[in-house]
Each structure stands twice: as structure tokens, then as C-alpha cells.
Amino acid sequence: MSLYHRTYTRIPLVLEIQLQFKGEKLGHACTQNINPFGAFIELSEPKLVTNDFVEIYFTNKDEDQACVVQKGMVMHRSKKGVGILFSSDTEEFRALLNQEMSHSGITAMDIRLNNLAH
């Protein structure tokens, strides 16, 4: 059993990302759900394993393709993808996440009420 246990609600939000492991690009993927502390990333054939450290590149659509980079550790994996715990919490990433939630019509109240079936 893992010591990590998610304490914040993950938001069902699909974001396009690029994944990198040990300097090697693993290609494009999408988040299935996300919060400021972690994400589940859909991968058809996950080659990553628990405790792998990755870099995740999120494209900010409103800022001319500028990327926000999050680093994190693979906490679990399944046939559908990997669960990542982010190693840091930055204002830049929170701003991107808030912006993407707003574009998708998700509000802070939806999250508090666990009303996320969009």
C-alpha cells in the first residue's frame, strides 16, 4: 500500500500534454483528471513504472503555445495510464489550471460540491 493518498478532488479535465522521462520524449498524451497536486495521464501502453520521475509539458493555449512544465513521480499505473503526484505547486501552473477549468465551465463551487459531471 502506498503512503500517498489523494486528499483533493481530481477534476475531470482533458488537457493535451507532452511527457518526458530521463530526457526522452514519450510523445503526446492527455490527462483524464487533474488537480494542482497530481493527474491521471491516459497512456495506451504505459512503459512508466511506480517511482519513475517525469516531466509533463502543458501547453498554454492563450499565451502563444508557451509551455508550463510540471515534474512529478508515478504513484501508480494501470492498463489505461499512470497516476502522477506533482513534485511542486507553482502559481504558473495554478493559473493555467484555473484558466483551463474556466474554459471548460468548471467552477470552484462545482469542485466543492463534487458536481463535476459535465
C-alpha atoms as a PDB file:
ATOM      1  CA  MET A   1       0.000   0.000   0.000  1.00  0.00           C
ATOM      2  CA  SER A   2       1.264   3.447  -0.902  1.00  0.00           C
ATOM      3  CA  LEU A   3       1.789   6.217   1.625  1.00  0.00           C
ATOM      4  CA  TYR A   4       0.316   8.681  -0.864  1.00  0.00           C
ATOM      5  CA  HIS A   5      -3.410   9.169  -0.620  1.00  0.00           C
ATOM      6  CA  ARG A   6      -5.114  11.856  -2.666  1.00  0.00           C
ATOM      7  CA  THR A   7      -6.762  14.452  -0.426  1.00  0.00           C
ATOM      8  CA  TYR A   8      -8.092  16.819  -3.102  1.00  0.00           C
ATOM      9  CA  THR A   9     -10.796  16.102  -5.674  1.00  0.00           C
ATOM     10  CA  ARG A  10      -9.484  15.462  -9.144  1.00  0.00           C
ATOM     11  CA  ILE A  11     -11.234  17.420 -11.873  1.00  0.00           C
ATOM     12  CA  PRO A  12     -12.320  15.503 -14.986  1.00  0.00           C
ATOM     13  CA  LEU A  13     -10.436  17.702 -17.427  1.00  0.00           C
ATOM     14  CA  VAL A  14      -8.755  16.615 -20.647  1.00  0.00           C
ATOM     15  CA  LEU A  15      -5.570  18.567 -21.320  1.00  0.00           C
ATOM     16  CA  GLU A  16      -3.080  17.778 -24.047  1.00  0.00           C
ATOM     17  CA  ILE A  17       0.417  17.222 -22.711  1.00  0.00           C
ATOM     18  CA  GLN A  18       3.846  16.059 -23.744  1.00  0.00           C
ATOM     19  CA  LEU A  19       5.590  13.599 -21.480  1.00  0.00           C
ATOM     20  CA  GLN A  20       9.324  13.215 -20.967  1.00  0.00           C
ATOM     21  CA  PHE A  21      11.281  10.604 -18.986  1.00  0.00           C
ATOM     22  CA  LYS A  22      15.061  10.712 -18.468  1.00  0.00           C
ATOM     23  CA  GLY A  23      15.375  13.291 -21.236  1.00  0.00           C
ATOM     24  CA  GLU A  24      13.484  11.124 -23.732  1.00  0.00           C
ATOM     25  CA  LYS A  25      10.227  12.377 -25.190  1.00  0.00           C
ATOM     26  CA  LEU A  26       7.487   9.805 -24.718  1.00  0.00           C
ATOM     27  CA  GLY A  27       5.108  11.631 -27.027  1.00  0.00           C
ATOM     28  CA  HIS A  28       1.748  13.322 -26.697  1.00  0.00           C
ATOM     29  CA  ALA A  29      -0.902  12.218 -24.235  1.00  0.00           C
ATOM     30  CA  CYS A  30      -3.929  13.607 -22.381  1.00  0.00           C
ATOM     31  CA  THR A  31      -4.936  13.992 -18.791  1.00  0.00           C
ATOM     32  CA  GLN A  32      -8.075  12.166 -17.715  1.00  0.00           C
ATOM     33  CA  ASN A  33      -8.370  14.090 -14.461  1.00  0.00           C
ATOM     34  CA  ILE A  34      -6.222  16.612 -12.642  1.00  0.00           C
ATOM     35  CA  ASN A  35      -5.818  18.884  -9.619  1.00  0.00           C
ATOM     36  CA  PRO A  36      -2.966  21.181  -8.527  1.00  0.00           C
ATOM     37  CA  PHE A  37      -1.166  18.250  -6.904  1.00  0.00           C
ATOM     38  CA  GLY A  38      -1.454  15.452  -9.455  1.00  0.00           C
ATOM     39  CA  ALA A  39      -3.066  13.969 -12.535  1.00  0.00           C
ATOM     40  CA  PHE A  40      -4.030  10.731 -14.198  1.00  0.00           C
ATOM     41  CA  ILE A  41      -2.496  10.591 -17.661  1.00  0.00           C
ATOM     42  CA  GLU A  42      -4.013   8.312 -20.262  1.00  0.00           C
ATOM     43  CA  LEU A  43      -1.411   6.143 -21.979  1.00  0.00           C
ATOM     44  CA  SER A  44      -2.362   3.241 -24.229  1.00  0.00           C
ATOM     45  CA  GLU A  45       0.777   1.269 -23.376  1.00  0.00           C
ATOM     46  CA  PRO A  46       2.333   2.734 -20.225  1.00  0.00           C
ATOM     47  CA  LYS A  47       6.049   1.979 -20.103  1.00  0.00           C
ATOM     48  CA  LEU A  48       6.469   4.010 -16.945  1.00  0.00           C
ATOM     49  CA  VAL A  49       6.519   2.275 -13.578  1.00  0.00           C
ATOM     50  CA  THR A  50       5.934   3.346  -9.994  1.00  0.00           C
ATOM     51  CA  ASN A  51       8.554   5.841  -8.737  1.00  0.00           C
ATOM     52  CA  ASP A  52       9.635   6.969 -12.227  1.00  0.00           C
ATOM     53  CA  PHE A  53      10.225  10.734 -12.235  1.00  0.00           C
ATOM     54  CA  VAL A  54       8.764  12.532 -15.276  1.00  0.00           C
ATOM     55  CA  GLU A  55       8.383  15.989 -16.778  1.00  0.00           C
ATOM     56  CA  ILE A  56       4.973  16.991 -18.099  1.00  0.00           C
ATOM     57  CA  TYR A  57       4.640  19.857 -20.576  1.00  0.00           C
ATOM     58  CA  PHE A  58       1.271  21.619 -20.603  1.00  0.00           C
ATOM     59  CA  THR A  59       0.590  23.990 -23.498  1.00  0.00           C
ATOM     60  CA  ASN A  60      -0.975  27.303 -22.543  1.00  0.00           C
ATOM     61  CA  LYS A  61      -3.360  27.930 -25.447  1.00  0.00           C
ATOM     62  CA  ASP A  62      -3.848  31.603 -24.543  1.00  0.00           C
ATOM     63  CA  GLU A  63      -0.160  32.509 -24.498  1.00  0.00           C
ATOM     64  CA  ASP A  64       1.090  31.589 -27.973  1.00  0.00           C
ATOM     65  CA  GLN A  65       1.985  27.986 -27.222  1.00  0.00           C
ATOM     66  CA  ALA A  66       4.074  28.760 -24.127  1.00  0.00           C
ATOM     67  CA  CYS A  67       4.584  25.653 -22.008  1.00  0.00           C
ATOM     68  CA  VAL A  68       4.161  25.165 -18.300  1.00  0.00           C
ATOM     69  CA  VAL A  69       6.330  22.333 -17.008  1.00  0.00           C
ATOM     70  CA  GLN A  70       5.409  20.164 -14.044  1.00  0.00           C
ATOM     71  CA  LYS A  71       7.674  17.484 -12.650  1.00  0.00           C
ATOM     72  CA  GLY A  72       6.251  14.528 -10.829  1.00  0.00           C
ATOM     73  CA  MET A  73       6.513  10.927  -9.761  1.00  0.00           C
ATOM     74  CA  VAL A  74       4.493   7.972 -10.998  1.00  0.00           C
ATOM     75  CA  MET A  75       2.485   6.787  -7.990  1.00  0.00           C
ATOM     76  CA  HIS A  76       0.512   4.038  -9.719  1.00  0.00           C
ATOM     77  CA  ARG A  77      -0.113   2.611 -13.154  1.00  0.00           C
ATOM     78  CA  SER A  78      -2.814   0.630 -14.885  1.00  0.00           C
ATOM     79  CA  LYS A  79      -3.593  -0.536 -18.402  1.00  0.00           C
ATOM     80  CA  LYS A  80      -5.186   2.868 -19.007  1.00  0.00           C
ATOM     81  CA  GLY A  81      -2.307   5.094 -17.864  1.00  0.00           C
ATOM     82  CA  VAL A  82      -0.391   6.462 -14.892  1.00  0.00           C
ATOM     83  CA  GLY A  83      -1.212   8.457 -11.773  1.00  0.00           C
ATOM     84  CA  ILE A  84       1.285  11.265 -11.175  1.00  0.00           C
ATOM     85  CA  LEU A  85       1.993  13.160  -7.946  1.00  0.00           C
ATOM     86  CA  PHE A  86       3.439  16.567  -8.841  1.00  0.00           C
ATOM     87  CA  SER A  87       6.655  17.495  -7.056  1.00  0.00           C
ATOM     88  CA  SER A  88       5.865  21.208  -6.835  1.00  0.00           C
ATOM     89  CA  ASP A  89       2.970  23.641  -6.731  1.00  0.00           C
ATOM     90  CA  THR A  90       3.581  26.800  -8.755  1.00  0.00           C
ATOM     91  CA  GLU A  91       1.493  29.895  -9.397  1.00  0.00           C
ATOM     92  CA  GLU A  92       2.138  29.492 -13.115  1.00  0.00           C
ATOM     93  CA  PHE A  93       0.616  26.004 -13.129  1.00  0.00           C
ATOM     94  CA  ARG A  94      -2.332  27.004 -10.921  1.00  0.00           C
ATOM     95  CA  ALA A  95      -3.074  29.903 -13.283  1.00  0.00           C
ATOM     96  CA  LEU A  96      -3.026  27.548 -16.275  1.00  0.00           C
ATOM     97  CA  LEU A  97      -5.269  25.044 -14.496  1.00  0.00           C
ATOM     98  CA  ASN A  98      -7.744  27.744 -13.425  1.00  0.00           C
ATOM     99  CA  GLN A  99      -7.829  29.095 -16.975  1.00  0.00           C
ATOM    100  CA  GLU A 100      -8.493  25.633 -18.448  1.00  0.00           C
ATOM    101  CA  MET A 101     -11.226  24.950 -15.876  1.00  0.00           C
ATOM    102  CA  SER A 102     -12.852  28.266 -16.716  1.00  0.00           C
ATOM    103  CA  HIS A 103     -12.773  27.449 -20.465  1.00  0.00           C
ATOM    104  CA  SER A 104     -14.451  24.120 -19.663  1.00  0.00           C
ATOM    105  CA  GLY A 105     -17.126  25.737 -17.490  1.00  0.00           C
ATOM    106  CA  ILE A 106     -15.896  24.189 -14.232  1.00  0.00           C
ATOM    107  CA  THR A 107     -16.155  26.452 -11.186  1.00  0.00           C
ATOM    108  CA  ALA A 108     -14.678  26.267  -7.700  1.00  0.00           C
ATOM    109  CA  MET A 109     -18.206  25.689  -6.392  1.00  0.00           C
ATOM    110  CA  ASP A 110     -18.605  22.665  -8.700  1.00  0.00           C
ATOM    111  CA  ILE A 111     -15.459  21.231  -7.161  1.00  0.00           C
ATOM    112  CA  ARG A 112     -16.574  21.917  -3.578  1.00  0.00           C
ATOM    113  CA  LEU A 113     -19.969  20.335  -4.244  1.00  0.00           C
ATOM    114  CA  ASN A 114     -18.369  17.489  -6.194  1.00  0.00           C
ATOM    115  CA  ASN A 115     -20.654  18.466  -9.100  1.00  0.00           C
ATOM    116  CA  LEU A 116     -18.198  17.563 -11.850  1.00  0.00           C
ATOM    117  CA  ALA A 117     -20.269  15.512 -14.284  1.00  0.00           C
ATOM    118  CA  HIS A 118     -20.019  17.786 -17.308  1.00  0.00           C
END
